[in-house]
């Protein structure tokens, strides 16, 4: 029996680097031009924008000035209107404590920012193609030998 796929048609990115936001959006449009995209640098308007936009996935960088990604993630998971939206932590860090902390706070997936456009394209395509119907199943696939691991596109 095939697992029902929840289509990803709206993505929200929180990242303070304008170049990273631009590249992400450009490659996302190459992956699927029908996906609606909205981004924010991590300003106070994040919660309101997410509540209005209602994305299917949130990509969240860890290193953001106003509140770091862990603080935002905790706030999202405590918020009744946002807590069910899967969050993909999207960071340059490959530090095990960051990965475990992200999953521990409720992230559905942890992705280290790919270093080339080709890898980012493949990563986005793989993530969008996942079955987000049950985000906990995706998280469970990244827990091995008592620790969490980052997602890597094939």
Protein backbone atom coordinates (compact mmCIF):
# COMPACT_ATOMS: atom_id res chain seq x y z
CA UNK A 1 0.00 0.00 0.00
CA UNK A 2 1.40 3.38 -1.02
CA UNK A 3 1.62 6.11 1.61
CA UNK A 4 -0.51 9.16 0.92
CA UNK A 5 1.62 12.18 0.03
CA UNK A 6 0.74 15.59 1.39
CA UNK A 7 1.63 17.96 -1.44
CA UNK A 8 4.08 20.74 -0.69
CA UNK A 9 2.69 23.81 -2.41
CA UNK A 10 3.82 26.58 -0.03
CA UNK A 11 7.27 27.03 1.54
CA UNK A 12 8.39 29.67 4.04
CA UNK A 13 12.13 30.29 4.57
CA UNK A 14 13.61 32.14 7.55
CA UNK A 15 17.22 33.10 6.87
CA UNK A 16 18.96 36.42 7.49
CA UNK A 17 21.31 36.07 4.49
CA UNK A 18 19.73 37.73 1.42
CA UNK A 19 21.98 35.77 -0.97
CA UNK A 20 20.92 32.47 0.60
CA UNK A 21 17.25 33.47 0.32
CA UNK A 22 17.69 34.44 -3.34
CA UNK A 23 19.50 31.22 -4.29
CA UNK A 24 16.98 29.11 -2.36
CA UNK A 25 14.03 30.77 -4.11
CA UNK A 26 15.66 30.55 -7.56
CA UNK A 27 16.40 26.85 -7.23
CA UNK A 28 13.02 26.13 -5.66
CA UNK A 29 11.38 27.62 -8.74
CA UNK A 30 13.48 25.32 -10.92
CA UNK A 31 12.38 22.33 -8.85
CA UNK A 32 8.69 23.28 -9.03
CA UNK A 33 7.54 26.65 -10.37
CA UNK A 34 4.05 26.12 -8.90
CA UNK A 35 5.26 26.26 -5.29
CA UNK A 36 4.42 29.52 -3.54
CA UNK A 37 7.38 30.94 -1.65
CA UNK A 38 7.76 33.53 1.07
CA UNK A 39 10.85 34.41 3.09
CA UNK A 40 11.77 36.51 6.07
CA UNK A 41 15.13 37.50 7.55
CA UNK A 42 13.94 36.63 11.06
CA UNK A 43 12.12 39.85 11.92
CA UNK A 44 9.31 40.24 14.45
CA UNK A 45 6.74 39.76 11.64
CA UNK A 46 7.61 36.05 11.18
CA UNK A 47 4.71 34.67 13.23
CA UNK A 48 2.09 36.85 11.55
CA UNK A 49 3.44 36.08 8.09
CA UNK A 50 3.38 32.33 8.76
CA UNK A 51 -0.16 32.50 10.18
CA UNK A 52 -1.32 34.41 7.09
CA UNK A 53 0.62 32.40 4.48
CA UNK A 54 0.02 28.94 6.07
CA UNK A 55 2.97 27.15 4.48
CA UNK A 56 3.20 23.38 4.12
CA UNK A 57 6.89 23.51 5.17
CA UNK A 58 9.03 26.00 7.08
CA UNK A 59 12.79 26.08 6.46
CA UNK A 60 14.58 27.69 9.41
CA UNK A 61 18.21 28.75 9.70
CA UNK A 62 19.83 28.48 13.14
CA UNK A 63 22.07 31.56 13.05
CA UNK A 64 19.71 34.53 12.87
CA UNK A 65 20.35 37.77 14.82
CA UNK A 66 17.03 38.71 16.50
CA UNK A 67 16.15 35.21 17.73
CA UNK A 68 18.17 32.19 16.79
CA UNK A 69 16.55 29.25 15.02
CA UNK A 70 16.19 27.25 18.24
CA UNK A 71 14.24 30.10 19.84
CA UNK A 72 12.00 30.43 16.77
CA UNK A 73 11.46 26.66 16.64
CA UNK A 74 10.41 26.56 20.29
CA UNK A 75 8.02 29.46 19.69
CA UNK A 76 6.53 27.73 16.63
CA UNK A 77 5.98 24.47 18.51
CA UNK A 78 4.29 26.36 21.37
CA UNK A 79 1.98 28.27 18.99
CA UNK A 80 -1.46 26.69 18.41
CA UNK A 81 -1.74 27.90 14.79
CA UNK A 82 1.78 26.93 13.73
CA UNK A 83 2.83 23.88 15.76
CA UNK A 84 1.58 21.33 13.21
CA UNK A 85 3.56 22.80 10.30
CA UNK A 86 6.70 20.70 9.72
CA UNK A 87 9.93 22.62 10.28
CA UNK A 88 13.12 21.79 8.39
CA UNK A 89 16.16 23.18 10.17
CA UNK A 90 18.40 24.55 7.42
CA UNK A 91 21.87 25.44 8.66
CA UNK A 92 25.52 25.44 7.69
CA UNK A 93 26.28 23.70 11.01
CA UNK A 94 27.12 20.00 11.01
CA UNK A 95 27.65 20.06 14.79
CA UNK A 96 25.95 17.05 16.39
CA UNK A 97 24.58 19.10 19.28
CA UNK A 98 22.81 21.46 16.85
CA UNK A 99 21.30 18.49 15.01
CA UNK A 100 20.10 16.79 18.20
CA UNK A 101 18.83 20.06 19.69
CA UNK A 102 16.84 20.76 16.53
CA UNK A 103 15.10 17.40 16.56
CA UNK A 104 14.68 17.61 20.33
CA UNK A 105 12.81 20.90 20.00
CA UNK A 106 10.46 19.45 17.40
CA UNK A 107 12.08 19.90 13.99
CA UNK A 108 10.87 17.32 11.48
CA UNK A 109 14.15 17.31 9.55
CA UNK A 110 17.66 18.78 9.78
CA UNK A 111 19.48 19.73 6.58
CA UNK A 112 22.99 21.08 6.32
CA UNK A 113 23.03 23.86 3.72
CA UNK A 114 24.41 22.37 0.50
CA UNK A 115 27.57 24.04 -0.77
CA UNK A 116 26.72 23.93 -4.49
CA UNK A 117 23.58 24.92 -6.40
CA UNK A 118 23.31 21.40 -7.80
CA UNK A 119 23.24 19.87 -4.32
CA UNK A 120 20.70 22.43 -3.12
CA UNK A 121 18.51 21.66 -6.14
CA UNK A 122 18.68 17.91 -5.38
CA UNK A 123 18.07 18.51 -1.68
CA UNK A 124 15.00 20.66 -2.33
CA UNK A 125 13.64 18.18 -4.84
CA UNK A 126 14.12 15.29 -2.39
CA UNK A 127 12.49 17.15 0.50
CA UNK A 128 9.52 18.26 -1.58
CA UNK A 129 9.04 14.68 -2.80
CA UNK A 130 8.90 13.30 0.76
CA UNK A 131 5.57 12.21 2.18
CA UNK A 132 4.84 14.98 4.68
CA UNK A 133 1.50 13.40 5.58
CA UNK A 134 3.10 12.08 8.80
CA UNK A 135 6.18 14.25 9.57
CA UNK A 136 7.10 12.01 12.54
CA UNK A 137 7.86 9.19 10.08
CA UNK A 138 10.40 11.41 8.34
CA UNK A 139 11.99 12.35 11.67
CA UNK A 140 12.17 8.70 12.77
CA UNK A 141 14.21 7.80 9.67
CA UNK A 142 16.95 10.15 10.89
CA UNK A 143 17.36 8.69 14.37
CA UNK A 144 20.08 6.03 14.47
CA UNK A 145 21.99 4.44 17.33
CA UNK A 146 20.56 6.85 19.89
CA UNK A 147 21.34 10.04 17.98
CA UNK A 148 19.88 12.11 15.17
CA UNK A 149 21.56 12.61 11.82
CA UNK A 150 21.23 15.29 9.19
CA UNK A 151 19.36 14.59 5.96
CA UNK A 152 21.43 14.16 2.81
CA UNK A 153 19.96 13.99 -0.68
CA UNK A 154 21.01 11.03 -2.78
